[in-house]
């Protein structure tokens, strides 16, 4: 049954005219009222001008790129590369501005910053569906919440039914979704090799600063770290969860040293967190790597300029973003089975060394 504008108005407790104003954005509406209307739109999965299936042959020239935080280089690099590929267009580009989802027309890439909010992610997917987006690219790890994953799978299926290409870049497949082309980083293997490097140097007391516990990236990297320890018969050291930012690395380091003052190495969730770890160690009069080795993940541009330069795991963020952009345009065939696992590479630099004694 088709959801109508009147249905949305009834659910939100406003007039149809108010719903129209909110959707068209051409008249000021109170913020609280606007949120009620958008919530009703999401709940009812309302799509203007009829059901999504009728729009399959009429997608727009819009491509949405969803990121957690555009200020984070991890997301900025992927989004910038995807936007570059989309701006260049696909094979047979005409240079015209006509609508349609084929790779022969130019597309407008719009970056949607979710702030890590699962609700915002779903809202953007709804808005892009209403705009008949030609493609949607979701970047970075996803929230490991069954309800959110089910809602995401449903949204992606509706987008695909409407003719929208869906690409996951740097995140695993969404359970229950068979529509997306997926480019997943091999975080487990990268993390395992990083910890194996520390073990080979002689470290046996290794702390770990993890990301948010409810994110796929966090779990996969922590699993790889623990797998290396288990294979070597080394007990797990303390682990502290936090955000993927520098302050979390700084604060977590104090907690790790409280839990085990004899730590000889710290593995950080990513390079940004590793900077916080290094700062906290220096503030305590500890040298890197003389007293404590530090390792990061991602190989962000600043990692080579840290002092000492960070040992890390390189993810081909730019290349993955370019490929995601080409998949969004239809300029590249989806990987076999819809999933491509992108390798991670260990990069050894000066922040790790043999433990003293």
C-alpha atoms as a PDB file:
ATOM      1  CA  UNK A   1       0.000   0.000   0.000  1.00  0.00           C
ATOM      2  CA  UNK A   2       1.389   3.398  -1.020  1.00  0.00           C
ATOM      3  CA  UNK A   3       2.127   5.818   1.815  1.00  0.00           C
ATOM      4  CA  UNK A   4       0.726   9.264   1.097  1.00  0.00           C
ATOM      5  CA  UNK A   5       1.611  12.740   2.243  1.00  0.00           C
ATOM      6  CA  UNK A   6      -1.590  12.731   4.272  1.00  0.00           C
ATOM      7  CA  UNK A   7      -0.435   9.591   6.102  1.00  0.00           C
ATOM      8  CA  UNK A   8       2.770  11.358   7.093  1.00  0.00           C
ATOM      9  CA  UNK A   9       0.797  14.387   8.269  1.00  0.00           C
ATOM     10  CA  UNK A  10      -1.442  12.202  10.434  1.00  0.00           C
ATOM     11  CA  UNK A  11       1.526  10.379  11.978  1.00  0.00           C
ATOM     12  CA  UNK A  12       3.335  13.661  12.724  1.00  0.00           C
ATOM     13  CA  UNK A  13       0.206  15.422  13.958  1.00  0.00           C
ATOM     14  CA  UNK A  14       0.508  18.295  11.484  1.00  0.00           C
ATOM     15  CA  UNK A  15      -1.244  19.450   8.344  1.00  0.00           C
ATOM     16  CA  UNK A  16      -0.332  18.105   4.866  1.00  0.00           C
ATOM     17  CA  UNK A  17       0.811  21.636   3.999  1.00  0.00           C
ATOM     18  CA  UNK A  18       3.338  21.543   6.834  1.00  0.00           C
ATOM     19  CA  UNK A  19       4.691  18.209   5.614  1.00  0.00           C
ATOM     20  CA  UNK A  20       5.069  19.684   2.140  1.00  0.00           C
ATOM     21  CA  UNK A  21       6.932  22.695   3.539  1.00  0.00           C
ATOM     22  CA  UNK A  22       9.353  20.497   5.442  1.00  0.00           C
ATOM     23  CA  UNK A  23      10.041  18.258   2.448  1.00  0.00           C
ATOM     24  CA  UNK A  24      10.427  21.098  -0.016  1.00  0.00           C
ATOM     25  CA  UNK A  25      12.438  23.291   2.352  1.00  0.00           C
ATOM     26  CA  UNK A  26      10.856  26.404   0.886  1.00  0.00           C
ATOM     27  CA  UNK A  27       9.182  27.784   4.026  1.00  0.00           C
ATOM     28  CA  UNK A  28      10.427  28.189   7.633  1.00  0.00           C
ATOM     29  CA  UNK A  29       9.191  25.481   9.987  1.00  0.00           C
ATOM     30  CA  UNK A  30       9.864  25.156  13.716  1.00  0.00           C
ATOM     31  CA  UNK A  31      12.733  22.756  14.447  1.00  0.00           C
ATOM     32  CA  UNK A  32      10.615  20.507  16.682  1.00  0.00           C
ATOM     33  CA  UNK A  33       7.913  20.276  14.019  1.00  0.00           C
ATOM     34  CA  UNK A  34      10.472  19.519  11.337  1.00  0.00           C
ATOM     35  CA  UNK A  35      11.941  16.683  13.430  1.00  0.00           C
ATOM     36  CA  UNK A  36       8.460  15.188  13.975  1.00  0.00           C
ATOM     37  CA  UNK A  37       7.761  15.255  10.263  1.00  0.00           C
ATOM     38  CA  UNK A  38      11.118  13.707   9.326  1.00  0.00           C
ATOM     39  CA  UNK A  39      10.640  11.034  11.987  1.00  0.00           C
ATOM     40  CA  UNK A  40       7.230  10.187  10.516  1.00  0.00           C
ATOM     41  CA  UNK A  41       8.724  10.075   7.018  1.00  0.00           C
ATOM     42  CA  UNK A  42      11.343   7.601   8.241  1.00  0.00           C
ATOM     43  CA  UNK A  43       8.861   5.435  10.155  1.00  0.00           C
ATOM     44  CA  UNK A  44       6.479   5.203   7.198  1.00  0.00           C
ATOM     45  CA  UNK A  45       9.263   5.044   4.587  1.00  0.00           C
ATOM     46  CA  UNK A  46       7.505   7.742   2.619  1.00  0.00           C
ATOM     47  CA  UNK A  47       8.815   8.513  -0.871  1.00  0.00           C
ATOM     48  CA  UNK A  48       7.308  11.505  -2.719  1.00  0.00           C
ATOM     49  CA  UNK A  49       5.586  10.906  -6.048  1.00  0.00           C
ATOM     50  CA  UNK A  50       4.683   7.279  -5.478  1.00  0.00           C
ATOM     51  CA  UNK A  51       6.341   4.029  -4.474  1.00  0.00           C
ATOM     52  CA  UNK A  52      10.054   3.575  -4.866  1.00  0.00           C
ATOM     53  CA  UNK A  53       9.645   0.884  -7.503  1.00  0.00           C
ATOM     54  CA  UNK A  54       8.106   3.375  -9.899  1.00  0.00           C
ATOM     55  CA  UNK A  55      11.276   5.500  -9.701  1.00  0.00           C
ATOM     56  CA  UNK A  56      13.714   2.829 -10.816  1.00  0.00           C
ATOM     57  CA  UNK A  57      14.087   4.354 -14.272  1.00  0.00           C
ATOM     58  CA  UNK A  58      14.260   7.936 -12.986  1.00  0.00           C
ATOM     59  CA  UNK A  59      17.221   8.244 -10.651  1.00  0.00           C
ATOM     60  CA  UNK A  60      18.823  11.666 -10.304  1.00  0.00           C
ATOM     61  CA  UNK A  61      22.427  12.770 -10.821  1.00  0.00           C
ATOM     62  CA  UNK A  62      23.079  12.739  -7.065  1.00  0.00           C
ATOM     63  CA  UNK A  63      25.538  10.417  -5.302  1.00  0.00           C
ATOM     64  CA  UNK A  64      25.561  10.407  -1.494  1.00  0.00           C
ATOM     65  CA  UNK A  65      28.769   9.563   0.392  1.00  0.00           C
ATOM     66  CA  UNK A  66      28.143   8.801   4.064  1.00  0.00           C
ATOM     67  CA  UNK A  67      31.020   9.317   6.522  1.00  0.00           C
ATOM     68  CA  UNK A  68      31.286   9.308  10.315  1.00  0.00           C
ATOM     69  CA  UNK A  69      33.481  12.418  10.460  1.00  0.00           C
ATOM     70  CA  UNK A  70      34.783  14.235   7.404  1.00  0.00           C
ATOM     71  CA  UNK A  71      37.482  15.877   9.583  1.00  0.00           C
ATOM     72  CA  UNK A  72      38.964  12.428  10.289  1.00  0.00           C
ATOM     73  CA  UNK A  73      41.576  11.695   7.564  1.00  0.00           C
ATOM     74  CA  UNK A  74      40.412   8.053   7.447  1.00  0.00           C
ATOM     75  CA  UNK A  75      37.041   9.180   6.096  1.00  0.00           C
ATOM     76  CA  UNK A  76      38.253  12.321   4.349  1.00  0.00           C
ATOM     77  CA  UNK A  77      40.700  10.416   2.155  1.00  0.00           C
ATOM     78  CA  UNK A  78      38.116   7.838   1.052  1.00  0.00           C
ATOM     79  CA  UNK A  79      35.387  10.424   0.496  1.00  0.00           C
ATOM     80  CA  UNK A  80      37.728  12.729  -1.438  1.00  0.00           C
ATOM     81  CA  UNK A  81      38.904   9.910  -3.699  1.00  0.00           C
ATOM     82  CA  UNK A  82      35.337   8.712  -4.319  1.00  0.00           C
ATOM     83  CA  UNK A  83      34.235  12.259  -5.097  1.00  0.00           C
ATOM     84  CA  UNK A  84      37.146  12.641  -7.506  1.00  0.00           C
ATOM     85  CA  UNK A  85      36.215   9.454  -9.361  1.00  0.00           C
ATOM     86  CA  UNK A  86      32.577  10.519  -9.525  1.00  0.00           C
ATOM     87  CA  UNK A  87      33.514  13.990 -10.768  1.00  0.00           C
ATOM     88  CA  UNK A  88      35.625  12.503 -13.548  1.00  0.00           C
ATOM     89  CA  UNK A  89      32.676  10.433 -14.712  1.00  0.00           C
ATOM     90  CA  UNK A  90      32.584   7.009 -16.262  1.00  0.00           C
ATOM     91  CA  UNK A  91      33.283   5.628 -19.697  1.00  0.00           C
ATOM     92  CA  UNK A  92      31.346   7.329 -22.439  1.00  0.00           C
ATOM     93  CA  UNK A  93      30.726  10.443 -20.375  1.00  0.00           C
ATOM     94  CA  UNK A  94      28.765  12.921 -22.391  1.00  0.00           C
ATOM     95  CA  UNK A  95      29.378  16.000 -20.274  1.00  0.00           C
ATOM     96  CA  UNK A  96      25.648  16.651 -20.260  1.00  0.00           C
ATOM     97  CA  UNK A  97      23.552  17.210 -17.174  1.00  0.00           C
ATOM     98  CA  UNK A  98      20.666  14.917 -17.971  1.00  0.00           C
ATOM     99  CA  UNK A  99      19.196  12.584 -15.394  1.00  0.00           C
ATOM    100  CA  UNK A 100      19.508   8.832 -15.378  1.00  0.00           C
ATOM    101  CA  UNK A 101      21.676   6.333 -13.566  1.00  0.00           C
ATOM    102  CA  UNK A 102      23.987   5.361 -16.434  1.00  0.00           C
ATOM    103  CA  UNK A 103      27.698   6.101 -16.289  1.00  0.00           C
ATOM    104  CA  UNK A 104      27.420   8.348 -19.338  1.00  0.00           C
ATOM    105  CA  UNK A 105      26.090  11.342 -17.372  1.00  0.00           C
ATOM    106  CA  UNK A 106      27.897  13.462 -14.817  1.00  0.00           C
ATOM    107  CA  UNK A 107      27.022  13.079 -11.144  1.00  0.00           C
ATOM    108  CA  UNK A 108      27.019  15.410  -8.162  1.00  0.00           C
ATOM    109  CA  UNK A 109      28.689  13.835  -5.114  1.00  0.00           C
ATOM    110  CA  UNK A 110      27.442  15.056  -1.736  1.00  0.00           C
ATOM    111  CA  UNK A 111      29.220  14.118   1.512  1.00  0.00           C
ATOM    112  CA  UNK A 112      26.848  13.362   4.404  1.00  0.00           C
ATOM    113  CA  UNK A 113      28.472  13.635   7.839  1.00  0.00           C
ATOM    114  CA  UNK A 114      26.692  11.343  10.320  1.00  0.00           C
ATOM    115  CA  UNK A 115      28.808  12.189  13.354  1.00  0.00           C
ATOM    116  CA  UNK A 116      28.773   8.478  14.146  1.00  0.00           C
ATOM    117  CA  UNK A 117      25.034   8.612  14.860  1.00  0.00           C
ATOM    118  CA  UNK A 118      23.147   5.498  13.651  1.00  0.00           C
ATOM    119  CA  UNK A 119      19.909   7.507  13.590  1.00  0.00           C
ATOM    120  CA  UNK A 120      21.523  10.135  11.379  1.00  0.00           C
ATOM    121  CA  UNK A 121      22.819   7.425   9.048  1.00  0.00           C
ATOM    122  CA  UNK A 122      19.301   6.068   8.540  1.00  0.00           C
ATOM    123  CA  UNK A 123      17.938   9.594   8.073  1.00  0.00           C
ATOM    124  CA  UNK A 124      20.465  10.316   5.327  1.00  0.00           C
ATOM    125  CA  UNK A 125      19.568   7.068   3.575  1.00  0.00           C
ATOM    126  CA  UNK A 126      15.905   8.104   3.669  1.00  0.00           C
ATOM    127  CA  UNK A 127      16.702  11.571   2.336  1.00  0.00           C
ATOM    128  CA  UNK A 128      18.814  10.107  -0.479  1.00  0.00           C
ATOM    129  CA  UNK A 129      15.987   7.722  -1.349  1.00  0.00           C
ATOM    130  CA  UNK A 130      13.606  10.671  -1.560  1.00  0.00           C
ATOM    131  CA  UNK A 131      16.085  12.466  -3.814  1.00  0.00           C
ATOM    132  CA  UNK A 132      16.223   9.391  -6.095  1.00  0.00           C
ATOM    133  CA  UNK A 133      20.006   9.201  -5.691  1.00  0.00           C
ATOM    134  CA  UNK A 134      21.858   7.434  -8.478  1.00  0.00           C
ATOM    135  CA  UNK A 135      24.201   5.854  -5.918  1.00  0.00           C
ATOM    136  CA  UNK A 136      25.017   5.740  -2.215  1.00  0.00           C
ATOM    137  CA  UNK A 137      28.454   4.999  -0.729  1.00  0.00           C
ATOM    138  CA  UNK A 138      28.702   4.090   2.957  1.00  0.00           C
ATOM    139  CA  UNK A 139      32.215   4.318   4.409  1.00  0.00           C
ATOM    140  CA  UNK A 140      33.855   2.970   7.565  1.00  0.00           C
ATOM    141  CA  UNK A 141      32.796   0.358  10.096  1.00  0.00           C
ATOM    142  CA  UNK A 142      29.176  -0.131  11.063  1.00  0.00           C
ATOM    143  CA  UNK A 143      27.355  -0.292  14.376  1.00  0.00           C
ATOM    144  CA  UNK A 144      26.955  -3.840  15.679  1.00  0.00           C
ATOM    145  CA  UNK A 145      23.351  -3.532  16.779  1.00  0.00           C
ATOM    146  CA  UNK A 146      20.850  -6.072  15.350  1.00  0.00           C
ATOM    147  CA  UNK A 147      18.013  -3.556  15.192  1.00  0.00           C
ATOM    148  CA  UNK A 148      20.118  -0.949  13.405  1.00  0.00           C
ATOM    149  CA  UNK A 149      21.578  -3.531  11.016  1.00  0.00           C
ATOM    150  CA  UNK A 150      18.082  -4.777  10.128  1.00  0.00           C
ATOM    151  CA  UNK A 151      16.905  -1.212   9.521  1.00  0.00           C
ATOM    152  CA  UNK A 152      19.979  -0.500   7.382  1.00  0.00           C
ATOM    153  CA  UNK A 153      19.467  -3.647   5.316  1.00  0.00           C
ATOM    154  CA  UNK A 154      15.842  -2.646   4.695  1.00  0.00           C
ATOM    155  CA  UNK A 155      16.874   0.872   3.636  1.00  0.00           C
ATOM    156  CA  UNK A 156      19.551  -0.430   1.267  1.00  0.00           C
ATOM    157  CA  UNK A 157      17.103  -2.897  -0.284  1.00  0.00           C
ATOM    158  CA  UNK A 158      14.619  -0.091  -0.943  1.00  0.00           C
ATOM    159  CA  UNK A 159      17.318   2.067  -2.478  1.00  0.00           C
ATOM    160  CA  UNK A 160      18.365  -0.800  -4.749  1.00  0.00           C
ATOM    161  CA  UNK A 161      14.745  -1.433  -5.729  1.00  0.00           C
ATOM    162  CA  UNK A 162      14.521   2.214  -6.761  1.00  0.00           C
ATOM    163  CA  UNK A 163      17.523   1.838  -9.080  1.00  0.00           C
ATOM    164  CA  UNK A 164      20.166   3.251  -6.710  1.00  0.00           C
ATOM    165  CA  UNK A 165      23.601   1.617  -6.724  1.00  0.00           C
ATOM    166  CA  UNK A 166      24.810   0.852  -3.194  1.00  0.00           C
ATOM    167  CA  UNK A 167      28.519   0.589  -2.334  1.00  0.00           C
ATOM    168  CA  UNK A 168      30.061  -0.229   1.051  1.00  0.00           C
ATOM    169  CA  UNK A 169      33.634   1.061   1.328  1.00  0.00           C
ATOM    170  CA  UNK A 170      35.763  -0.004   4.279  1.00  0.00           C
ATOM    171  CA  UNK A 171      32.958  -1.851   6.015  1.00  0.00           C
ATOM    172  CA  UNK A 172      31.788  -5.460   6.024  1.00  0.00           C
ATOM    173  CA  UNK A 173      28.578  -6.589   4.297  1.00  0.00           C
ATOM    174  CA  UNK A 174      25.339  -5.721   6.066  1.00  0.00           C
ATOM    175  CA  UNK A 175      23.616  -8.935   7.272  1.00  0.00           C
ATOM    176  CA  UNK A 176      20.408  -9.488   5.341  1.00  0.00           C
ATOM    177  CA  UNK A 177      21.428  -7.238   2.443  1.00  0.00           C
ATOM    178  CA  UNK A 178      22.313  -8.758  -0.917  1.00  0.00           C
ATOM    179  CA  UNK A 179      22.273  -5.545  -2.945  1.00  0.00           C
ATOM    180  CA  UNK A 180      25.512  -3.743  -2.124  1.00  0.00           C
ATOM    181  CA  UNK A 181      28.931  -3.995  -3.722  1.00  0.00           C
ATOM    182  CA  UNK A 182      31.288  -4.329  -0.748  1.00  0.00           C
ATOM    183  CA  UNK A 183      34.941  -3.294  -0.419  1.00  0.00           C
ATOM    184  CA  UNK A 184      35.996  -4.551   3.033  1.00  0.00           C
ATOM    185  CA  UNK A 185      39.389  -3.944   4.638  1.00  0.00           C
ATOM    186  CA  UNK A 186      41.154  -6.995   6.075  1.00  0.00           C
ATOM    187  CA  UNK A 187      41.427  -5.498   9.568  1.00  0.00           C
ATOM    188  CA  UNK A 188      41.886  -8.843  11.310  1.00  0.00           C
ATOM    189  CA  UNK A 189      44.946  -9.852   9.284  1.00  0.00           C
ATOM    190  CA  UNK A 190      46.484  -6.393   9.556  1.00  0.00           C
ATOM    191  CA  UNK A 191      46.076  -6.358  13.337  1.00  0.00           C
ATOM    192  CA  UNK A 192      47.451  -9.886  13.657  1.00  0.00           C
ATOM    193  CA  UNK A 193      50.584  -9.029  11.695  1.00  0.00           C
ATOM    194  CA  UNK A 194      51.115  -5.894  13.757  1.00  0.00           C
ATOM    195  CA  UNK A 195      51.001  -7.844  17.024  1.00  0.00           C
ATOM    196  CA  UNK A 196      53.191 -10.597  15.540  1.00  0.00           C
ATOM    197  CA  UNK A 197      55.778  -7.892  14.803  1.00  0.00           C
ATOM    198  CA  UNK A 198      55.774  -6.802  18.461  1.00  0.00           C
ATOM    199  CA  UNK A 199      56.010 -10.409  19.631  1.00  0.00           C
ATOM    200  CA  UNK A 200      58.959 -11.020  17.315  1.00  0.00           C
ATOM    201  CA  UNK A 201      60.739  -8.060  18.909  1.00  0.00           C
ATOM    202  CA  UNK A 202      60.328  -9.743  22.296  1.00  0.00           C
ATOM    203  CA  UNK A 203      57.327  -7.922  23.764  1.00  0.00           C
ATOM    204  CA  UNK A 204      55.163  -9.971  26.127  1.00  0.00           C
ATOM    205  CA  UNK A 205      53.297  -7.250  28.048  1.00  0.00           C
ATOM    206  CA  UNK A 206      51.245  -5.438  25.438  1.00  0.00           C
ATOM    207  CA  UNK A 207      48.390  -3.036  26.186  1.00  0.00           C
ATOM    208  CA  UNK A 208      45.664  -2.228  23.692  1.00  0.00           C
ATOM    209  CA  UNK A 209      43.685   0.987  23.185  1.00  0.00           C
ATOM    210  CA  UNK A 210      40.553  -0.111  21.327  1.00  0.00           C
ATOM    211  CA  UNK A 211      37.872   1.907  19.566  1.00  0.00           C
ATOM    212  CA  UNK A 212      34.165   1.912  20.516  1.00  0.00           C
ATOM    213  CA  UNK A 213      33.089  -1.578  21.551  1.00  0.00           C
ATOM    214  CA  UNK A 214      30.005  -1.560  19.323  1.00  0.00           C
ATOM    215  CA  UNK A 215      31.809  -1.015  15.988  1.00  0.00           C
ATOM    216  CA  UNK A 216      32.798  -3.715  13.504  1.00  0.00           C
ATOM    217  CA  UNK A 217      36.227  -2.180  12.905  1.00  0.00           C
ATOM    218  CA  UNK A 218      36.982  -2.285  16.625  1.00  0.00           C
ATOM    219  CA  UNK A 219      36.003  -5.928  16.968  1.00  0.00           C
ATOM    220  CA  UNK A 220      37.881  -7.119  13.889  1.00  0.00           C
ATOM    221  CA  UNK A 221      41.128  -5.371  14.848  1.00  0.00           C
ATOM    222  CA  UNK A 222      40.923  -6.595  18.429  1.00  0.00           C
ATOM    223  CA  UNK A 223      40.238 -10.143  17.221  1.00  0.00           C
ATOM    224  CA  UNK A 224      43.355 -10.061  15.030  1.00  0.00           C
ATOM    225  CA  UNK A 225      45.462  -8.778  17.938  1.00  0.00           C
ATOM    226  CA  UNK A 226      44.190 -11.480  20.285  1.00  0.00           C
ATOM    227  CA  UNK A 227      44.629 -14.210  17.673  1.00  0.00           C
ATOM    228  CA  UNK A 228      48.344 -13.372  17.425  1.00  0.00           C
ATOM    229  CA  UNK A 229      48.734 -13.484  21.198  1.00  0.00           C
ATOM    230  CA  UNK A 230      46.899 -16.804  21.446  1.00  0.00           C
ATOM    231  CA  UNK A 231      48.997 -18.378  18.690  1.00  0.00           C
ATOM    232  CA  UNK A 232      52.163 -17.349  20.535  1.00  0.00           C
ATOM    233  CA  UNK A 233      50.865 -18.523  23.922  1.00  0.00           C
ATOM    234  CA  UNK A 234      51.149 -14.998  25.354  1.00  0.00           C
ATOM    235  CA  UNK A 235      48.506 -13.812  27.855  1.00  0.00           C
ATOM    236  CA  UNK A 236      46.361 -10.884  26.811  1.00  0.00           C
ATOM    237  CA  UNK A 237      47.339  -7.545  28.283  1.00  0.00           C
ATOM    238  CA  UNK A 238      44.873  -4.894  29.438  1.00  0.00           C
ATOM    239  CA  UNK A 239      42.530  -3.334  26.866  1.00  0.00           C
ATOM    240  CA  UNK A 240      40.661  -0.030  27.184  1.00  0.00           C
ATOM    241  CA  UNK A 241      37.898   1.103  24.833  1.00  0.00           C
ATOM    242  CA  UNK A 242      37.399   4.702  23.725  1.00  0.00           C
ATOM    243  CA  UNK A 243      36.723   6.897  20.714  1.00  0.00           C
ATOM    244  CA  UNK A 244      38.879   6.955  17.584  1.00  0.00           C
ATOM    245  CA  UNK A 245      40.520  10.236  18.581  1.00  0.00           C
ATOM    246  CA  UNK A 246      43.641  11.610  20.245  1.00  0.00           C
ATOM    247  CA  UNK A 247      42.103  12.435  23.666  1.00  0.00           C
ATOM    248  CA  UNK A 248      40.926   8.831  24.006  1.00  0.00           C
ATOM    249  CA  UNK A 249      44.453   7.591  23.350  1.00  0.00           C
ATOM    250  CA  UNK A 250      45.853   9.958  25.958  1.00  0.00           C
ATOM    251  CA  UNK A 251      43.336   9.025  28.650  1.00  0.00           C
ATOM    252  CA  UNK A 252      43.447   5.286  27.924  1.00  0.00           C
ATOM    253  CA  UNK A 253      47.236   5.217  28.302  1.00  0.00           C
ATOM    254  CA  UNK A 254      46.978   6.333  31.908  1.00  0.00           C
ATOM    255  CA  UNK A 255      44.472   3.553  32.576  1.00  0.00           C
ATOM    256  CA  UNK A 256      46.656   0.941  30.859  1.00  0.00           C
ATOM    257  CA  UNK A 257      49.689   1.915  32.943  1.00  0.00           C
ATOM    258  CA  UNK A 258      47.578   1.782  36.083  1.00  0.00           C
ATOM    259  CA  UNK A 259      46.458  -1.744  35.172  1.00  0.00           C
ATOM    260  CA  UNK A 260      49.994  -2.854  34.248  1.00  0.00           C
ATOM    261  CA  UNK A 261      52.867  -0.447  35.050  1.00  0.00           C
ATOM    262  CA  UNK A 262      55.309  -2.857  33.367  1.00  0.00           C
ATOM    263  CA  UNK A 263      53.858  -2.625  29.864  1.00  0.00           C
ATOM    264  CA  UNK A 264      56.522  -2.569  27.154  1.00  0.00           C
ATOM    265  CA  UNK A 265      54.224  -1.886  24.158  1.00  0.00           C
ATOM    266  CA  UNK A 266      50.863  -0.296  23.374  1.00  0.00           C
ATOM    267  CA  UNK A 267      48.810  -1.001  20.253  1.00  0.00           C
ATOM    268  CA  UNK A 268      46.436   1.828  19.360  1.00  0.00           C
ATOM    269  CA  UNK A 269      43.115   1.527  17.551  1.00  0.00           C
ATOM    270  CA  UNK A 270      44.331   3.887  14.840  1.00  0.00           C
ATOM    271  CA  UNK A 271      47.092   6.404  14.143  1.00  0.00           C
ATOM    272  CA  UNK A 272      45.169   9.327  15.663  1.00  0.00           C
ATOM    273  CA  UNK A 273      44.730   7.394  18.911  1.00  0.00           C
ATOM    274  CA  UNK A 274      48.429   6.482  18.754  1.00  0.00           C
ATOM    275  CA  UNK A 275      49.353  10.186  18.839  1.00  0.00           C
ATOM    276  CA  UNK A 276      47.480  10.495  22.131  1.00  0.00           C
ATOM    277  CA  UNK A 277      49.282   7.420  23.465  1.00  0.00           C
ATOM    278  CA  UNK A 278      52.669   8.910  22.560  1.00  0.00           C
ATOM    279  CA  UNK A 279      51.816  12.234  24.211  1.00  0.00           C
ATOM    280  CA  UNK A 280      50.696  10.517  27.423  1.00  0.00           C
ATOM    281  CA  UNK A 281      53.872   8.435  27.590  1.00  0.00           C
ATOM    282  CA  UNK A 282      56.112  11.469  27.060  1.00  0.00           C
ATOM    283  CA  UNK A 283      54.224  13.419  29.742  1.00  0.00           C
ATOM    284  CA  UNK A 284      55.128  10.592  32.143  1.00  0.00           C
ATOM    285  CA  UNK A 285      58.802  10.813  31.229  1.00  0.00           C
ATOM    286  CA  UNK A 286      58.790   7.608  29.172  1.00  0.00           C
ATOM    287  CA  UNK A 287      60.663   7.362  25.873  1.00  0.00           C
ATOM    288  CA  UNK A 288      59.377   5.814  22.627  1.00  0.00           C
ATOM    289  CA  UNK A 289      60.409   3.131  21.803  1.00  0.00           C
ATOM    290  CA  UNK A 290      63.081   2.939  24.537  1.00  0.00           C
ATOM    291  CA  UNK A 291      60.627   2.449  27.393  1.00  0.00           C
ATOM    292  CA  UNK A 292      57.407   1.669  25.531  1.00  0.00           C
ATOM    293  CA  UNK A 293      56.841   0.811  21.864  1.00  0.00           C
ATOM    294  CA  UNK A 294      53.745   2.274  20.200  1.00  0.00           C
ATOM    295  CA  UNK A 295      51.919   1.087  17.086  1.00  0.00           C
ATOM    296  CA  UNK A 296      48.940   2.528  15.218  1.00  0.00           C
ATOM    297  CA  UNK A 297      46.687   1.506  12.341  1.00  0.00           C
ATOM    298  CA  UNK A 298      45.605   2.981   8.946  1.00  0.00           C
ATOM    299  CA  UNK A 299      48.899   4.710   7.922  1.00  0.00           C
ATOM    300  CA  UNK A 300      47.331   8.154   7.818  1.00  0.00           C
ATOM    301  CA  UNK A 301      49.472  10.868   6.171  1.00  0.00           C
ATOM    302  CA  UNK A 302      50.814  12.283   9.440  1.00  0.00           C
ATOM    303  CA  UNK A 303      52.042   8.913  10.752  1.00  0.00           C
ATOM    304  CA  UNK A 304      55.372   9.174   8.925  1.00  0.00           C
ATOM    305  CA  UNK A 305      55.930  12.678  10.369  1.00  0.00           C
ATOM    306  CA  UNK A 306      55.314  11.677  13.998  1.00  0.00           C
ATOM    307  CA  UNK A 307      58.412  11.618  16.211  1.00  0.00           C
ATOM    308  CA  UNK A 308      59.368   8.848  16.082  1.00  0.00           C
ATOM    309  CA  UNK A 309      57.514   7.812  12.925  1.00  0.00           C
ATOM    310  CA  UNK A 310      54.699   5.378  13.669  1.00  0.00           C
ATOM    311  CA  UNK A 311      54.807   1.682  13.017  1.00  0.00           C
ATOM    312  CA  UNK A 312      51.337   1.047  11.629  1.00  0.00           C
ATOM    313  CA  UNK A 313      49.172  -0.932   9.229  1.00  0.00           C
ATOM    314  CA  UNK A 314      48.609   0.606   5.818  1.00  0.00           C
ATOM    315  CA  UNK A 315      45.108   0.574   4.387  1.00  0.00           C
ATOM    316  CA  UNK A 316      44.818   1.744   0.749  1.00  0.00           C
ATOM    317  CA  UNK A 317      42.211   4.378   1.610  1.00  0.00           C
ATOM    318  CA  UNK A 318      42.644   6.470  -1.545  1.00  0.00           C
ATOM    319  CA  UNK A 319      42.532   3.472  -3.862  1.00  0.00           C
ATOM    320  CA  UNK A 320      39.475   2.076  -2.084  1.00  0.00           C
ATOM    321  CA  UNK A 321      37.704   5.432  -2.407  1.00  0.00           C
ATOM    322  CA  UNK A 322      38.468   5.641  -6.127  1.00  0.00           C
ATOM    323  CA  UNK A 323      37.149   2.137  -6.650  1.00  0.00           C
ATOM    324  CA  UNK A 324      34.005   2.914  -4.665  1.00  0.00           C
ATOM    325  CA  UNK A 325      33.416   5.950  -6.855  1.00  0.00           C
ATOM    326  CA  UNK A 326      33.770   3.880 -10.016  1.00  0.00           C
ATOM    327  CA  UNK A 327      31.381   1.254  -8.655  1.00  0.00           C
ATOM    328  CA  UNK A 328      28.891   4.008  -7.830  1.00  0.00           C
ATOM    329  CA  UNK A 329      29.058   5.218 -11.429  1.00  0.00           C
ATOM    330  CA  UNK A 330      28.743   1.746 -12.881  1.00  0.00           C
ATOM    331  CA  UNK A 331      32.163   2.264 -14.449  1.00  0.00           C
ATOM    332  CA  UNK A 332      33.500  -0.889 -12.772  1.00  0.00           C
ATOM    333  CA  UNK A 333      31.910  -4.303 -12.437  1.00  0.00           C
ATOM    334  CA  UNK A 334      30.998  -5.334  -8.867  1.00  0.00           C
ATOM    335  CA  UNK A 335      33.407  -7.862  -7.310  1.00  0.00           C
ATOM    336  CA  UNK A 336      32.536 -11.577  -7.607  1.00  0.00           C
ATOM    337  CA  UNK A 337      29.868 -12.425  -5.085  1.00  0.00           C
ATOM    338  CA  UNK A 338      29.536  -8.731  -4.308  1.00  0.00           C
ATOM    339  CA  UNK A 339      32.484  -8.728  -1.872  1.00  0.00           C
ATOM    340  CA  UNK A 340      36.152  -7.783  -2.288  1.00  0.00           C
ATOM    341  CA  UNK A 341      38.509  -8.033   0.688  1.00  0.00           C
ATOM    342  CA  UNK A 342      41.240  -5.396   0.506  1.00  0.00           C
ATOM    343  CA  UNK A 343      44.601  -6.440   2.027  1.00  0.00           C
ATOM    344  CA  UNK A 344      46.320  -4.514   4.831  1.00  0.00           C
ATOM    345  CA  UNK A 345      50.100  -4.035   4.890  1.00  0.00           C
ATOM    346  CA  UNK A 346      52.399  -3.809   7.923  1.00  0.00           C
ATOM    347  CA  UNK A 347      54.654  -0.723   7.875  1.00  0.00           C
ATOM    348  CA  UNK A 348      57.524  -0.817  10.386  1.00  0.00           C
ATOM    349  CA  UNK A 349      58.970   2.528  11.506  1.00  0.00           C
ATOM    350  CA  UNK A 350      60.785   3.966  14.498  1.00  0.00           C
ATOM    351  CA  UNK A 351      58.063   3.860  17.169  1.00  0.00           C
ATOM    352  CA  UNK A 352      58.624   0.149  17.864  1.00  0.00           C
ATOM    353  CA  UNK A 353      61.762  -1.573  19.062  1.00  0.00           C
ATOM    354  CA  UNK A 354      63.002  -4.321  21.339  1.00  0.00           C
ATOM    355  CA  UNK A 355      62.003  -4.058  24.996  1.00  0.00           C
ATOM    356  CA  UNK A 356      64.709  -3.251  27.518  1.00  0.00           C
ATOM    357  CA  UNK A 357      66.114  -6.135  29.506  1.00  0.00           C
END
